[in-house]
């Protein structure tokens, strides 16, 4: 009986680990696609690292609107975001990169289903 419980715990843990790795990969790909599409000079952005995928409930609707309107010199104007904020929770990942010899970082926020980017800062 103890052995069966151990196998169940290991199996569930493995499934959760694989699911979270898949979500992180999907978030990284969304962020890379965003950079390729909206960066002024995407060829000058050398991505070095991504943080783990995490969630937050402290982002208000008004903050989303402010950050969407805020100009970022590395990115083009008129960005079309692929997701809207729904509910309290957003997922986020931090991307570290080099741009013209300078280390920089941007944080990308996603809807809970990872269907698209809600905003970045």
PDB file of N, CA and C in Angstrom:
ATOM      1  N   UNK A   1       0.820  -1.191   0.000  1.00  0.00           N
ATOM      2  CA  UNK A   1       0.000   0.000   0.000  1.00  0.00           C
ATOM      3  C   UNK A   1       0.874   1.270   0.000  1.00  0.00           C
ATOM      4  N   UNK A   2       1.949   1.240   0.810  1.00  0.00           N
ATOM      5  CA  UNK A   2       2.848   2.391   0.850  1.00  0.00           C
ATOM      6  C   UNK A   2       3.513   2.602  -0.501  1.00  0.00           C
ATOM      7  N   UNK A   3       3.854   1.499  -1.152  1.00  0.00           N
ATOM      8  CA  UNK A   3       4.514   1.588  -2.451  1.00  0.00           C
ATOM      9  C   UNK A   3       3.578   2.207  -3.485  1.00  0.00           C
ATOM     10  N   UNK A   4       2.319   1.840  -3.474  1.00  0.00           N
ATOM     11  CA  UNK A   4       1.336   2.396  -4.407  1.00  0.00           C
ATOM     12  C   UNK A   4       1.184   3.899  -4.183  1.00  0.00           C
ATOM     13  N   UNK A   5       1.125   4.322  -2.916  1.00  0.00           N
ATOM     14  CA  UNK A   5       1.021   5.755  -2.599  1.00  0.00           C
ATOM     15  C   UNK A   5       2.242   6.511  -3.105  1.00  0.00           C
ATOM     16  N   UNK A   6       3.405   5.919  -2.964  1.00  0.00           N
ATOM     17  CA  UNK A   6       4.635   6.548  -3.434  1.00  0.00           C
ATOM     18  C   UNK A   6       4.610   6.718  -4.951  1.00  0.00           C
ATOM     19  N   UNK A   7       4.164   5.692  -5.669  1.00  0.00           N
ATOM     20  CA  UNK A   7       4.067   5.778  -7.129  1.00  0.00           C
ATOM     21  C   UNK A   7       3.076   6.845  -7.563  1.00  0.00           C
ATOM     22  N   UNK A   8       1.976   6.953  -6.854  1.00  0.00           N
ATOM     23  CA  UNK A   8       0.976   7.973  -7.180  1.00  0.00           C
ATOM     24  C   UNK A   8       1.556   9.366  -6.971  1.00  0.00           C
ATOM     25  N   UNK A   9       2.238   9.575  -5.865  1.00  0.00           N
ATOM     26  CA  UNK A   9       2.846  10.876  -5.568  1.00  0.00           C
ATOM     27  C   UNK A   9       3.896  11.225  -6.619  1.00  0.00           C
ATOM     28  N   UNK A  10       4.730  10.273  -6.987  1.00  0.00           N
ATOM     29  CA  UNK A  10       5.757  10.512  -8.007  1.00  0.00           C
ATOM     30  C   UNK A  10       5.104  10.815  -9.350  1.00  0.00           C
ATOM     31  N   UNK A  11       4.072  10.096  -9.699  1.00  0.00           N
ATOM     32  CA  UNK A  11       3.382  10.314 -10.973  1.00  0.00           C
ATOM     33  C   UNK A  11       2.742  11.683 -11.054  1.00  0.00           C
ATOM     34  N   UNK A  12       2.052  12.091 -10.002  1.00  0.00           N
ATOM     35  CA  UNK A  12       1.405  13.404  -9.980  1.00  0.00           C
ATOM     36  C   UNK A  12       2.454  14.510 -10.011  1.00  0.00           C
ATOM     37  N   UNK A  13       3.523  14.355  -9.270  1.00  0.00           N
ATOM     38  CA  UNK A  13       4.602  15.352  -9.263  1.00  0.00           C
ATOM     39  C   UNK A  13       5.227  15.500 -10.649  1.00  0.00           C
ATOM     40  N   UNK A  14       5.434  14.389 -11.318  1.00  0.00           N
ATOM     41  CA  UNK A  14       6.008  14.428 -12.663  1.00  0.00           C
ATOM     42  C   UNK A  14       5.079  15.143 -13.634  1.00  0.00           C
ATOM     43  N   UNK A  15       3.795  14.861 -13.565  1.00  0.00           N
ATOM     44  CA  UNK A  15       2.834  15.532 -14.438  1.00  0.00           C
ATOM     45  C   UNK A  15       2.805  17.039 -14.201  1.00  0.00           C
ATOM     46  N   UNK A  16       2.827  17.440 -12.943  1.00  0.00           N
ATOM     47  CA  UNK A  16       2.839  18.870 -12.634  1.00  0.00           C
ATOM     48  C   UNK A  16       4.110  19.536 -13.144  1.00  0.00           C
ATOM     49  N   UNK A  17       5.229  18.876 -12.993  1.00  0.00           N
ATOM     50  CA  UNK A  17       6.495  19.421 -13.473  1.00  0.00           C
ATOM     51  C   UNK A  17       6.484  19.578 -14.990  1.00  0.00           C
ATOM     52  N   UNK A  18       6.004  18.570 -15.683  1.00  0.00           N
ATOM     53  CA  UNK A  18       5.954  18.643 -17.139  1.00  0.00           C
ATOM     54  C   UNK A  18       4.988  19.724 -17.616  1.00  0.00           C
ATOM     55  N   UNK A  19       3.874  19.887 -16.925  1.00  0.00           N
ATOM     56  CA  UNK A  19       2.907  20.924 -17.304  1.00  0.00           C
ATOM     57  C   UNK A  19       3.512  22.308 -17.116  1.00  0.00           C
ATOM     58  N   UNK A  20       4.215  22.529 -16.011  1.00  0.00           N
ATOM     59  CA  UNK A  20       4.800  23.847 -15.777  1.00  0.00           C
ATOM     60  C   UNK A  20       5.927  24.128 -16.764  1.00  0.00           C
ATOM     61  N   UNK A  21       6.692  23.117 -17.145  1.00  0.00           N
ATOM     62  CA  UNK A  21       7.746  23.313 -18.152  1.00  0.00           C
ATOM     63  C   UNK A  21       7.129  23.676 -19.490  1.00  0.00           C
ATOM     64  N   UNK A  22       6.018  23.049 -19.832  1.00  0.00           N
ATOM     65  CA  UNK A  22       5.336  23.355 -21.085  1.00  0.00           C
ATOM     66  C   UNK A  22       4.817  24.774 -21.103  1.00  0.00           C
ATOM     67  N   UNK A  23       4.266  25.221 -19.991  1.00  0.00           N
ATOM     68  CA  UNK A  23       3.764  26.596 -19.899  1.00  0.00           C
ATOM     69  C   UNK A  23       4.910  27.587 -20.018  1.00  0.00           C
ATOM     70  N   UNK A  24       6.033  27.324 -19.372  1.00  0.00           N
ATOM     71  CA  UNK A  24       7.189  28.225 -19.442  1.00  0.00           C
ATOM     72  C   UNK A  24       7.688  28.307 -20.880  1.00  0.00           C
ATOM     73  N   UNK A  25       7.765  27.171 -21.540  1.00  0.00           N
ATOM     74  CA  UNK A  25       8.207  27.161 -22.937  1.00  0.00           C
ATOM     75  C   UNK A  25       7.256  27.997 -23.798  1.00  0.00           C
ATOM     76  N   UNK A  26       5.959  27.834 -23.589  1.00  0.00           N
ATOM     77  CA  UNK A  26       4.966  28.588 -24.364  1.00  0.00           C
ATOM     78  C   UNK A  26       5.095  30.090 -24.107  1.00  0.00           C
ATOM     79  N   UNK A  27       5.295  30.481 -22.844  1.00  0.00           N
ATOM     80  CA  UNK A  27       5.465  31.894 -22.500  1.00  0.00           C
ATOM     81  C   UNK A  27       6.735  32.460 -23.139  1.00  0.00           C
ATOM     82  N   UNK A  28       7.825  31.701 -23.100  1.00  0.00           N
ATOM     83  CA  UNK A  28       9.067  32.151 -23.724  1.00  0.00           C
ATOM     84  C   UNK A  28       8.863  32.364 -25.218  1.00  0.00           C
ATOM     85  N   UNK A  29       8.152  31.462 -25.853  1.00  0.00           N
ATOM     86  CA  UNK A  29       7.930  31.577 -27.290  1.00  0.00           C
ATOM     87  C   UNK A  29       7.061  32.789 -27.619  1.00  0.00           C
ATOM     88  N   UNK A  30       6.036  33.047 -26.803  1.00  0.00           N
ATOM     89  CA  UNK A  30       5.200  34.233 -27.015  1.00  0.00           C
ATOM     90  C   UNK A  30       6.034  35.508 -26.891  1.00  0.00           C
ATOM     91  N   UNK A  31       6.917  35.556 -25.893  1.00  0.00           N
ATOM     92  CA  UNK A  31       7.765  36.733 -25.696  1.00  0.00           C
ATOM     93  C   UNK A  31       8.736  36.900 -26.865  1.00  0.00           C
ATOM     94  N   UNK A  32       9.345  35.814 -27.325  1.00  0.00           N
ATOM     95  CA  UNK A  32      10.267  35.893 -28.463  1.00  0.00           C
ATOM     96  C   UNK A  32       9.541  36.364 -29.727  1.00  0.00           C
ATOM     97  N   UNK A  33       8.345  35.836 -29.958  1.00  0.00           N
ATOM     98  CA  UNK A  33       7.563  36.251 -31.124  1.00  0.00           C
ATOM     99  C   UNK A  33       7.198  37.731 -31.042  1.00  0.00           C
ATOM    100  N   UNK A  34       6.872  38.200 -29.840  1.00  0.00           N
ATOM    101  CA  UNK A  34       6.544  39.605 -29.624  1.00  0.00           C
ATOM    102  C   UNK A  34       7.742  40.481 -29.980  1.00  0.00           C
ATOM    103  N   UNK A  35       8.917  40.090 -29.504  1.00  0.00           N
ATOM    104  CA  UNK A  35      10.144  40.845 -29.799  1.00  0.00           C
ATOM    105  C   UNK A  35      10.402  40.859 -31.301  1.00  0.00           C
ATOM    106  N   UNK A  36      10.276  39.717 -31.945  1.00  0.00           N
ATOM    107  CA  UNK A  36      10.519  39.648 -33.396  1.00  0.00           C
ATOM    108  C   UNK A  36       9.540  40.525 -34.172  1.00  0.00           C
ATOM    109  N   UNK A  37       8.315  40.625 -33.683  1.00  0.00           N
ATOM    110  CA  UNK A  37       7.284  41.384 -34.386  1.00  0.00           C
ATOM    111  C   UNK A  37       7.358  42.882 -34.107  1.00  0.00           C
ATOM    112  N   UNK A  38       7.585  43.266 -32.846  1.00  0.00           N
ATOM    113  CA  UNK A  38       7.424  44.666 -32.459  1.00  0.00           C
ATOM    114  C   UNK A  38       8.701  45.413 -32.110  1.00  0.00           C
ATOM    115  N   UNK A  39       9.827  44.752 -31.989  1.00  0.00           N
ATOM    116  CA  UNK A  39      11.071  45.469 -31.685  1.00  0.00           C
ATOM    117  C   UNK A  39      11.485  46.293 -32.900  1.00  0.00           C
ATOM    118  N   UNK A  40      12.030  47.474 -32.643  1.00  0.00           N
ATOM    119  CA  UNK A  40      12.502  48.338 -33.722  1.00  0.00           C
ATOM    120  C   UNK A  40      13.661  47.653 -34.458  1.00  0.00           C
ATOM    121  N   UNK A  41      14.578  47.064 -33.700  1.00  0.00           N
ATOM    122  CA  UNK A  41      15.724  46.342 -34.269  1.00  0.00           C
ATOM    123  C   UNK A  41      15.839  44.966 -33.605  1.00  0.00           C
ATOM    124  N   UNK A  42      14.992  44.012 -33.973  1.00  0.00           N
ATOM    125  CA  UNK A  42      15.029  42.714 -33.297  1.00  0.00           C
ATOM    126  C   UNK A  42      16.361  41.986 -33.444  1.00  0.00           C
ATOM    127  N   UNK A  43      17.087  42.262 -34.515  1.00  0.00           N
ATOM    128  CA  UNK A  43      18.371  41.597 -34.726  1.00  0.00           C
ATOM    129  C   UNK A  43      19.424  42.054 -33.712  1.00  0.00           C
ATOM    130  N   UNK A  44      19.222  43.180 -33.064  1.00  0.00           N
ATOM    131  CA  UNK A  44      20.163  43.688 -32.062  1.00  0.00           C
ATOM    132  C   UNK A  44      19.840  43.196 -30.652  1.00  0.00           C
ATOM    133  N   UNK A  45      18.725  42.497 -30.497  1.00  0.00           N
ATOM    134  CA  UNK A  45      18.329  41.979 -29.183  1.00  0.00           C
ATOM    135  C   UNK A  45      18.808  40.545 -29.059  1.00  0.00           C
ATOM    136  N   UNK A  46      19.750  40.342 -28.137  1.00  0.00           N
ATOM    137  CA  UNK A  46      20.312  39.017 -27.880  1.00  0.00           C
ATOM    138  C   UNK A  46      19.763  38.512 -26.543  1.00  0.00           C
ATOM    139  N   UNK A  47      18.764  37.653 -26.604  1.00  0.00           N
ATOM    140  CA  UNK A  47      18.120  37.132 -25.393  1.00  0.00           C
ATOM    141  C   UNK A  47      19.094  36.192 -24.695  1.00  0.00           C
ATOM    142  N   UNK A  48      19.301  36.441 -23.395  1.00  0.00           N
ATOM    143  CA  UNK A  48      20.250  35.631 -22.633  1.00  0.00           C
ATOM    144  C   UNK A  48      19.574  34.696 -21.639  1.00  0.00           C
ATOM    145  N   UNK A  49      18.380  35.065 -21.138  1.00  0.00           N
ATOM    146  CA  UNK A  49      17.777  34.252 -20.082  1.00  0.00           C
ATOM    147  C   UNK A  49      16.307  34.612 -19.900  1.00  0.00           C
ATOM    148  N   UNK A  50      15.552  33.665 -19.386  1.00  0.00           N
ATOM    149  CA  UNK A  50      14.177  33.894 -18.963  1.00  0.00           C
ATOM    150  C   UNK A  50      14.040  33.432 -17.518  1.00  0.00           C
ATOM    151  N   UNK A  51      13.250  34.153 -16.746  1.00  0.00           N
ATOM    152  CA  UNK A  51      12.959  33.735 -15.380  1.00  0.00           C
ATOM    153  C   UNK A  51      11.965  32.582 -15.423  1.00  0.00           C
ATOM    154  N   UNK A  52      11.628  32.079 -14.272  1.00  0.00           N
ATOM    155  CA  UNK A  52      10.556  31.089 -14.220  1.00  0.00           C
ATOM    156  C   UNK A  52       9.232  31.801 -14.478  1.00  0.00           C
ATOM    157  N   UNK A  53       8.260  31.079 -14.933  1.00  0.00           N
ATOM    158  CA  UNK A  53       6.922  31.626 -15.147  1.00  0.00           C
ATOM    159  C   UNK A  53       6.236  31.712 -13.799  1.00  0.00           C
ATOM    160  N   UNK A  54       5.655  32.853 -13.502  1.00  0.00           N
ATOM    161  CA  UNK A  54       5.009  33.056 -12.209  1.00  0.00           C
ATOM    162  C   UNK A  54       3.683  33.768 -12.428  1.00  0.00           C
ATOM    163  N   UNK A  55       2.946  33.985 -11.350  1.00  0.00           N
ATOM    164  CA  UNK A  55       1.655  34.667 -11.455  1.00  0.00           C
ATOM    165  C   UNK A  55       1.582  35.817 -10.466  1.00  0.00           C
ATOM    166  N   UNK A  56       0.696  36.755 -10.765  1.00  0.00           N
ATOM    167  CA  UNK A  56       0.484  37.905  -9.894  1.00  0.00           C
ATOM    168  C   UNK A  56      -0.988  38.284  -9.916  1.00  0.00           C
ATOM    169  N   UNK A  57      -1.431  38.868  -8.823  1.00  0.00           N
ATOM    170  CA  UNK A  57      -2.796  39.385  -8.739  1.00  0.00           C
ATOM    171  C   UNK A  57      -2.790  40.869  -8.400  1.00  0.00           C
ATOM    172  N   UNK A  58      -1.643  41.522  -8.488  1.00  0.00           N
ATOM    173  CA  UNK A  58      -1.535  42.921  -8.066  1.00  0.00           C
ATOM    174  C   UNK A  58      -1.566  43.916  -9.232  1.00  0.00           C
ATOM    175  N   UNK A  59      -1.863  43.455 -10.430  1.00  0.00           N
ATOM    176  CA  UNK A  59      -1.905  44.339 -11.596  1.00  0.00           C
ATOM    177  C   UNK A  59      -3.349  44.786 -11.827  1.00  0.00           C
ATOM    178  N   UNK A  60      -3.584  46.078 -11.736  1.00  0.00           N
ATOM    179  CA  UNK A  60      -4.935  46.611 -11.939  1.00  0.00           C
ATOM    180  C   UNK A  60      -5.200  46.866 -13.418  1.00  0.00           C
ATOM    181  N   UNK A  61      -6.470  47.007 -13.770  1.00  0.00           N
ATOM    182  CA  UNK A  61      -6.842  47.323 -15.152  1.00  0.00           C
ATOM    183  C   UNK A  61      -6.256  48.664 -15.582  1.00  0.00           C
ATOM    184  N   UNK A  62      -6.239  49.629 -14.655  1.00  0.00           N
ATOM    185  CA  UNK A  62      -5.705  50.946 -15.010  1.00  0.00           C
ATOM    186  C   UNK A  62      -4.195  50.882 -15.268  1.00  0.00           C
ATOM    187  N   UNK A  63      -3.478  50.060 -14.517  1.00  0.00           N
ATOM    188  CA  UNK A  63      -2.040  49.901 -14.755  1.00  0.00           C
ATOM    189  C   UNK A  63      -1.794  49.261 -16.124  1.00  0.00           C
ATOM    190  N   UNK A  64      -2.620  48.298 -16.486  1.00  0.00           N
ATOM    191  CA  UNK A  64      -2.499  47.683 -17.809  1.00  0.00           C
ATOM    192  C   UNK A  64      -2.626  48.752 -18.890  1.00  0.00           C
ATOM    193  N   UNK A  65      -3.622  49.617 -18.765  1.00  0.00           N
ATOM    194  CA  UNK A  65      -3.836  50.658 -19.775  1.00  0.00           C
ATOM    195  C   UNK A  65      -2.666  51.643 -19.828  1.00  0.00           C
ATOM    196  N   UNK A  66      -2.143  52.023 -18.663  1.00  0.00           N
ATOM    197  CA  UNK A  66      -1.008  52.952 -18.623  1.00  0.00           C
ATOM    198  C   UNK A  66       0.220  52.340 -19.285  1.00  0.00           C
ATOM    199  N   UNK A  67       0.530  51.092 -18.945  1.00  0.00           N
ATOM    200  CA  UNK A  67       1.720  50.457 -19.504  1.00  0.00           C
ATOM    201  C   UNK A  67       1.572  50.175 -20.998  1.00  0.00           C
ATOM    202  N   UNK A  68       0.358  49.941 -21.450  1.00  0.00           N
ATOM    203  CA  UNK A  68       0.148  49.740 -22.888  1.00  0.00           C
ATOM    204  C   UNK A  68       0.410  51.023 -23.672  1.00  0.00           C
ATOM    205  N   UNK A  69       0.131  52.165 -23.062  1.00  0.00           N
ATOM    206  CA  UNK A  69       0.311  53.447 -23.745  1.00  0.00           C
ATOM    207  C   UNK A  69       1.731  53.993 -23.613  1.00  0.00           C
ATOM    208  N   UNK A  70       2.474  53.511 -22.629  1.00  0.00           N
ATOM    209  CA  UNK A  70       3.817  54.020 -22.369  1.00  0.00           C
ATOM    210  C   UNK A  70       4.750  53.664 -23.527  1.00  0.00           C
ATOM    211  N   UNK A  71       5.442  54.657 -24.030  1.00  0.00           N
ATOM    212  CA  UNK A  71       6.359  54.446 -25.149  1.00  0.00           C
ATOM    213  C   UNK A  71       7.649  53.795 -24.660  1.00  0.00           C
ATOM    214  N   UNK A  72       8.109  52.816 -25.386  1.00  0.00           N
ATOM    215  CA  UNK A  72       9.381  52.165 -25.106  1.00  0.00           C
ATOM    216  C   UNK A  72      10.233  52.319 -26.364  1.00  0.00           C
ATOM    217  N   UNK A  73      11.391  52.956 -26.259  1.00  0.00           N
ATOM    218  CA  UNK A  73      12.187  53.248 -27.456  1.00  0.00           C
ATOM    219  C   UNK A  73      12.668  51.998 -28.204  1.00  0.00           C
ATOM    220  N   UNK A  74      12.675  50.846 -27.561  1.00  0.00           N
ATOM    221  CA  UNK A  74      13.108  49.627 -28.237  1.00  0.00           C
ATOM    222  C   UNK A  74      12.012  49.008 -29.099  1.00  0.00           C
ATOM    223  N   UNK A  75      10.769  49.466 -28.896  1.00  0.00           N
ATOM    224  CA  UNK A  75       9.643  48.851 -29.587  1.00  0.00           C
ATOM    225  C   UNK A  75       8.872  49.865 -30.424  1.00  0.00           C
ATOM    226  N   UNK A  76       8.239  49.371 -31.472  1.00  0.00           N
ATOM    227  CA  UNK A  76       7.473  50.194 -32.398  1.00  0.00           C
ATOM    228  C   UNK A  76       6.220  50.744 -31.712  1.00  0.00           C
ATOM    229  N   UNK A  77       5.682  51.810 -32.261  1.00  0.00           N
ATOM    230  CA  UNK A  77       4.397  52.334 -31.802  1.00  0.00           C
ATOM    231  C   UNK A  77       3.280  51.483 -32.401  1.00  0.00           C
ATOM    232  N   UNK A  78       2.111  51.539 -31.780  1.00  0.00           N
ATOM    233  CA  UNK A  78       0.945  50.854 -32.321  1.00  0.00           C
ATOM    234  C   UNK A  78       0.949  49.354 -32.117  1.00  0.00           C
ATOM    235  N   UNK A  79       1.441  48.921 -30.977  1.00  0.00           N
ATOM    236  CA  UNK A  79       1.469  47.488 -30.679  1.00  0.00           C
ATOM    237  C   UNK A  79       0.032  46.980 -30.515  1.00  0.00           C
ATOM    238  N   UNK A  80      -0.245  45.852 -31.145  1.00  0.00           N
ATOM    239  CA  UNK A  80      -1.538  45.196 -30.994  1.00  0.00           C
ATOM    240  C   UNK A  80      -1.352  44.033 -30.028  1.00  0.00           C
ATOM    241  N   UNK A  81      -1.956  44.149 -28.869  1.00  0.00           N
ATOM    242  CA  UNK A  81      -1.837  43.096 -27.863  1.00  0.00           C
ATOM    243  C   UNK A  81      -2.807  41.972 -28.196  1.00  0.00           C
ATOM    244  N   UNK A  82      -2.378  40.751 -27.976  1.00  0.00           N
ATOM    245  CA  UNK A  82      -3.159  39.593 -28.392  1.00  0.00           C
ATOM    246  C   UNK A  82      -4.082  39.054 -27.309  1.00  0.00           C
ATOM    247  N   UNK A  83      -4.081  39.674 -26.143  1.00  0.00           N
ATOM    248  CA  UNK A  83      -4.941  39.201 -25.053  1.00  0.00           C
ATOM    249  C   UNK A  83      -5.400  40.383 -24.214  1.00  0.00           C
ATOM    250  N   UNK A  84      -6.503  40.191 -23.549  1.00  0.00           N
ATOM    251  CA  UNK A  84      -7.041  41.178 -22.615  1.00  0.00           C
ATOM    252  C   UNK A  84      -6.929  40.626 -21.201  1.00  0.00           C
ATOM    253  N   UNK A  85      -6.844  41.509 -20.238  1.00  0.00           N
ATOM    254  CA  UNK A  85      -6.818  41.091 -18.844  1.00  0.00           C
ATOM    255  C   UNK A  85      -8.208  40.611 -18.469  1.00  0.00           C
ATOM    256  N   UNK A  86      -8.278  39.395 -17.985  1.00  0.00           N
ATOM    257  CA  UNK A  86      -9.545  38.817 -17.556  1.00  0.00           C
ATOM    258  C   UNK A  86      -9.371  38.306 -16.135  1.00  0.00           C
ATOM    259  N   UNK A  87     -10.139  38.857 -15.217  1.00  0.00           N
ATOM    260  CA  UNK A  87     -10.006  38.437 -13.828  1.00  0.00           C
ATOM    261  C   UNK A  87      -8.823  39.093 -13.144  1.00  0.00           C
ATOM    262  N   UNK A  88      -8.438  38.513 -12.011  1.00  0.00           N
ATOM    263  CA  UNK A  88      -7.376  39.091 -11.184  1.00  0.00           C
ATOM    264  C   UNK A  88      -5.983  38.650 -11.615  1.00  0.00           C
ATOM    265  N   UNK A  89      -5.860  37.420 -12.047  1.00  0.00           N
ATOM    266  CA  UNK A  89      -4.551  36.791 -12.205  1.00  0.00           C
ATOM    267  C   UNK A  89      -3.950  37.017 -13.585  1.00  0.00           C
ATOM    268  N   UNK A  90      -2.652  37.327 -13.588  1.00  0.00           N
ATOM    269  CA  UNK A  90      -1.851  37.364 -14.810  1.00  0.00           C
ATOM    270  C   UNK A  90      -0.610  36.507 -14.584  1.00  0.00           C
ATOM    271  N   UNK A  91      -0.155  35.867 -15.629  1.00  0.00           N
ATOM    272  CA  UNK A  91       1.121  35.169 -15.588  1.00  0.00           C
ATOM    273  C   UNK A  91       2.188  36.115 -16.119  1.00  0.00           C
ATOM    274  N   UNK A  92       3.413  35.957 -15.662  1.00  0.00           N
ATOM    275  CA  UNK A  92       4.486  36.806 -16.178  1.00  0.00           C
ATOM    276  C   UNK A  92       5.806  36.059 -16.222  1.00  0.00           C
ATOM    277  N   UNK A  93       6.662  36.544 -17.121  1.00  0.00           N
ATOM    278  CA  UNK A  93       8.018  36.011 -17.241  1.00  0.00           C
ATOM    279  C   UNK A  93       8.938  37.196 -17.542  1.00  0.00           C
ATOM    280  N   UNK A  94      10.124  37.156 -16.980  1.00  0.00           N
ATOM    281  CA  UNK A  94      11.099  38.236 -17.186  1.00  0.00           C
ATOM    282  C   UNK A  94      12.152  37.758 -18.176  1.00  0.00           C
ATOM    283  N   UNK A  95      12.362  38.546 -19.195  1.00  0.00           N
ATOM    284  CA  UNK A  95      13.340  38.231 -20.237  1.00  0.00           C
ATOM    285  C   UNK A  95      14.556  39.131 -20.059  1.00  0.00           C
ATOM    286  N   UNK A  96      15.725  38.534 -19.941  1.00  0.00           N
ATOM    287  CA  UNK A  96      16.977  39.296 -19.878  1.00  0.00           C
ATOM    288  C   UNK A  96      17.645  39.216 -21.236  1.00  0.00           C
ATOM    289  N   UNK A  97      18.237  40.339 -21.657  1.00  0.00           N
ATOM    290  CA  UNK A  97      18.847  40.378 -22.973  1.00  0.00           C
ATOM    291  C   UNK A  97      19.929  41.444 -23.024  1.00  0.00           C
ATOM    292  N   UNK A  98      20.759  41.359 -24.051  1.00  0.00           N
ATOM    293  CA  UNK A  98      21.772  42.373 -24.337  1.00  0.00           C
ATOM    294  C   UNK A  98      21.308  43.153 -25.549  1.00  0.00           C
ATOM    295  N   UNK A  99      21.443  44.464 -25.462  1.00  0.00           N
ATOM    296  CA  UNK A  99      21.097  45.343 -26.577  1.00  0.00           C
ATOM    297  C   UNK A  99      22.228  46.339 -26.745  1.00  0.00           C
ATOM    298  N   UNK A 100      22.941  46.214 -27.829  1.00  0.00           N
ATOM    299  CA  UNK A 100      24.085  47.077 -28.123  1.00  0.00           C
ATOM    300  C   UNK A 100      25.067  47.145 -26.949  1.00  0.00           C
ATOM    301  N   UNK A 101      25.393  45.988 -26.399  1.00  0.00           N
ATOM    302  CA  UNK A 101      26.363  45.896 -25.311  1.00  0.00           C
ATOM    303  C   UNK A 101      25.831  46.234 -23.935  1.00  0.00           C
ATOM    304  N   UNK A 102      24.557  46.537 -23.822  1.00  0.00           N
ATOM    305  CA  UNK A 102      23.969  46.908 -22.537  1.00  0.00           C
ATOM    306  C   UNK A 102      23.012  45.800 -22.074  1.00  0.00           C
ATOM    307  N   UNK A 103      23.151  45.391 -20.813  1.00  0.00           N
ATOM    308  CA  UNK A 103      22.251  44.382 -20.258  1.00  0.00           C
ATOM    309  C   UNK A 103      20.925  45.036 -19.886  1.00  0.00           C
ATOM    310  N   UNK A 104      19.839  44.413 -20.322  1.00  0.00           N
ATOM    311  CA  UNK A 104      18.510  44.963 -20.074  1.00  0.00           C
ATOM    312  C   UNK A 104      17.557  43.822 -19.736  1.00  0.00           C
ATOM    313  N   UNK A 105      16.330  44.200 -19.335  1.00  0.00           N
ATOM    314  CA  UNK A 105      15.302  43.202 -19.050  1.00  0.00           C
ATOM    315  C   UNK A 105      13.927  43.797 -19.318  1.00  0.00           C
ATOM    316  N   UNK A 106      13.007  42.951 -19.710  1.00  0.00           N
ATOM    317  CA  UNK A 106      11.603  43.309 -19.892  1.00  0.00           C
ATOM    318  C   UNK A 106      10.774  42.207 -19.256  1.00  0.00           C
ATOM    319  N   UNK A 107       9.633  42.589 -18.709  1.00  0.00           N
ATOM    320  CA  UNK A 107       8.705  41.627 -18.130  1.00  0.00           C
ATOM    321  C   UNK A 107       7.460  41.582 -18.993  1.00  0.00           C
ATOM    322  N   UNK A 108       7.079  40.384 -19.404  1.00  0.00           N
ATOM    323  CA  UNK A 108       5.905  40.177 -20.232  1.00  0.00           C
ATOM    324  C   UNK A 108       4.799  39.554 -19.389  1.00  0.00           C
ATOM    325  N   UNK A 109       3.599  40.095 -19.523  1.00  0.00           N
ATOM    326  CA  UNK A 109       2.437  39.621 -18.767  1.00  0.00           C
ATOM    327  C   UNK A 109       1.458  38.951 -19.728  1.00  0.00           C
ATOM    328  N   UNK A 110       0.970  37.779 -19.341  1.00  0.00           N
ATOM    329  CA  UNK A 110       0.102  36.966 -20.172  1.00  0.00           C
ATOM    330  C   UNK A 110      -1.238  36.721 -19.478  1.00  0.00           C
ATOM    331  N   UNK A 111      -2.257  36.430 -20.281  1.00  0.00           N
ATOM    332  CA  UNK A 111      -3.526  35.995 -19.703  1.00  0.00           C
ATOM    333  C   UNK A 111      -3.308  34.614 -19.068  1.00  0.00           C
ATOM    334  N   UNK A 112      -4.167  34.181 -18.148  1.00  0.00           N
ATOM    335  CA  UNK A 112      -3.944  32.917 -17.437  1.00  0.00           C
ATOM    336  C   UNK A 112      -3.889  31.677 -18.337  1.00  0.00           C
ATOM    337  N   UNK A 113      -4.470  31.757 -19.524  1.00  0.00           N
ATOM    338  CA  UNK A 113      -4.464  30.607 -20.437  1.00  0.00           C
ATOM    339  C   UNK A 113      -3.312  30.653 -21.431  1.00  0.00           C
ATOM    340  N   UNK A 114      -2.442  31.641 -21.296  1.00  0.00           N
ATOM    341  CA  UNK A 114      -1.293  31.840 -22.192  1.00  0.00           C
ATOM    342  C   UNK A 114      -1.720  31.915 -23.657  1.00  0.00           C
ATOM    343  N   UNK A 115      -2.809  32.638 -23.885  1.00  0.00           N
ATOM    344  CA  UNK A 115      -3.268  32.833 -25.260  1.00  0.00           C
ATOM    345  C   UNK A 115      -2.588  34.027 -25.911  1.00  0.00           C
ATOM    346  N   UNK A 116      -2.014  34.930 -25.103  1.00  0.00           N
ATOM    347  CA  UNK A 116      -1.325  36.076 -25.669  1.00  0.00           C
ATOM    348  C   UNK A 116      -0.790  36.994 -24.597  1.00  0.00           C
ATOM    349  N   UNK A 117      -0.142  38.056 -25.049  1.00  0.00           N
ATOM    350  CA  UNK A 117       0.467  39.037 -24.156  1.00  0.00           C
ATOM    351  C   UNK A 117      -0.530  40.149 -23.852  1.00  0.00           C
ATOM    352  N   UNK A 118      -0.681  40.445 -22.574  1.00  0.00           N
ATOM    353  CA  UNK A 118      -1.578  41.510 -22.111  1.00  0.00           C
ATOM    354  C   UNK A 118      -0.846  42.837 -22.106  1.00  0.00           C
ATOM    355  N   UNK A 119       0.434  42.821 -21.681  1.00  0.00           N
ATOM    356  CA  UNK A 119       1.246  44.056 -21.632  1.00  0.00           C
ATOM    357  C   UNK A 119       2.682  43.644 -21.352  1.00  0.00           C
ATOM    358  N   UNK A 120       3.580  44.619 -21.417  1.00  0.00           N
ATOM    359  CA  UNK A 120       4.961  44.394 -21.011  1.00  0.00           C
ATOM    360  C   UNK A 120       5.487  45.673 -20.400  1.00  0.00           C
ATOM    361  N   UNK A 121       6.548  45.524 -19.635  1.00  0.00           N
ATOM    362  CA  UNK A 121       7.216  46.703 -19.071  1.00  0.00           C
ATOM    363  C   UNK A 121       8.700  46.448 -18.993  1.00  0.00           C
TER     364      UNK A 121
END
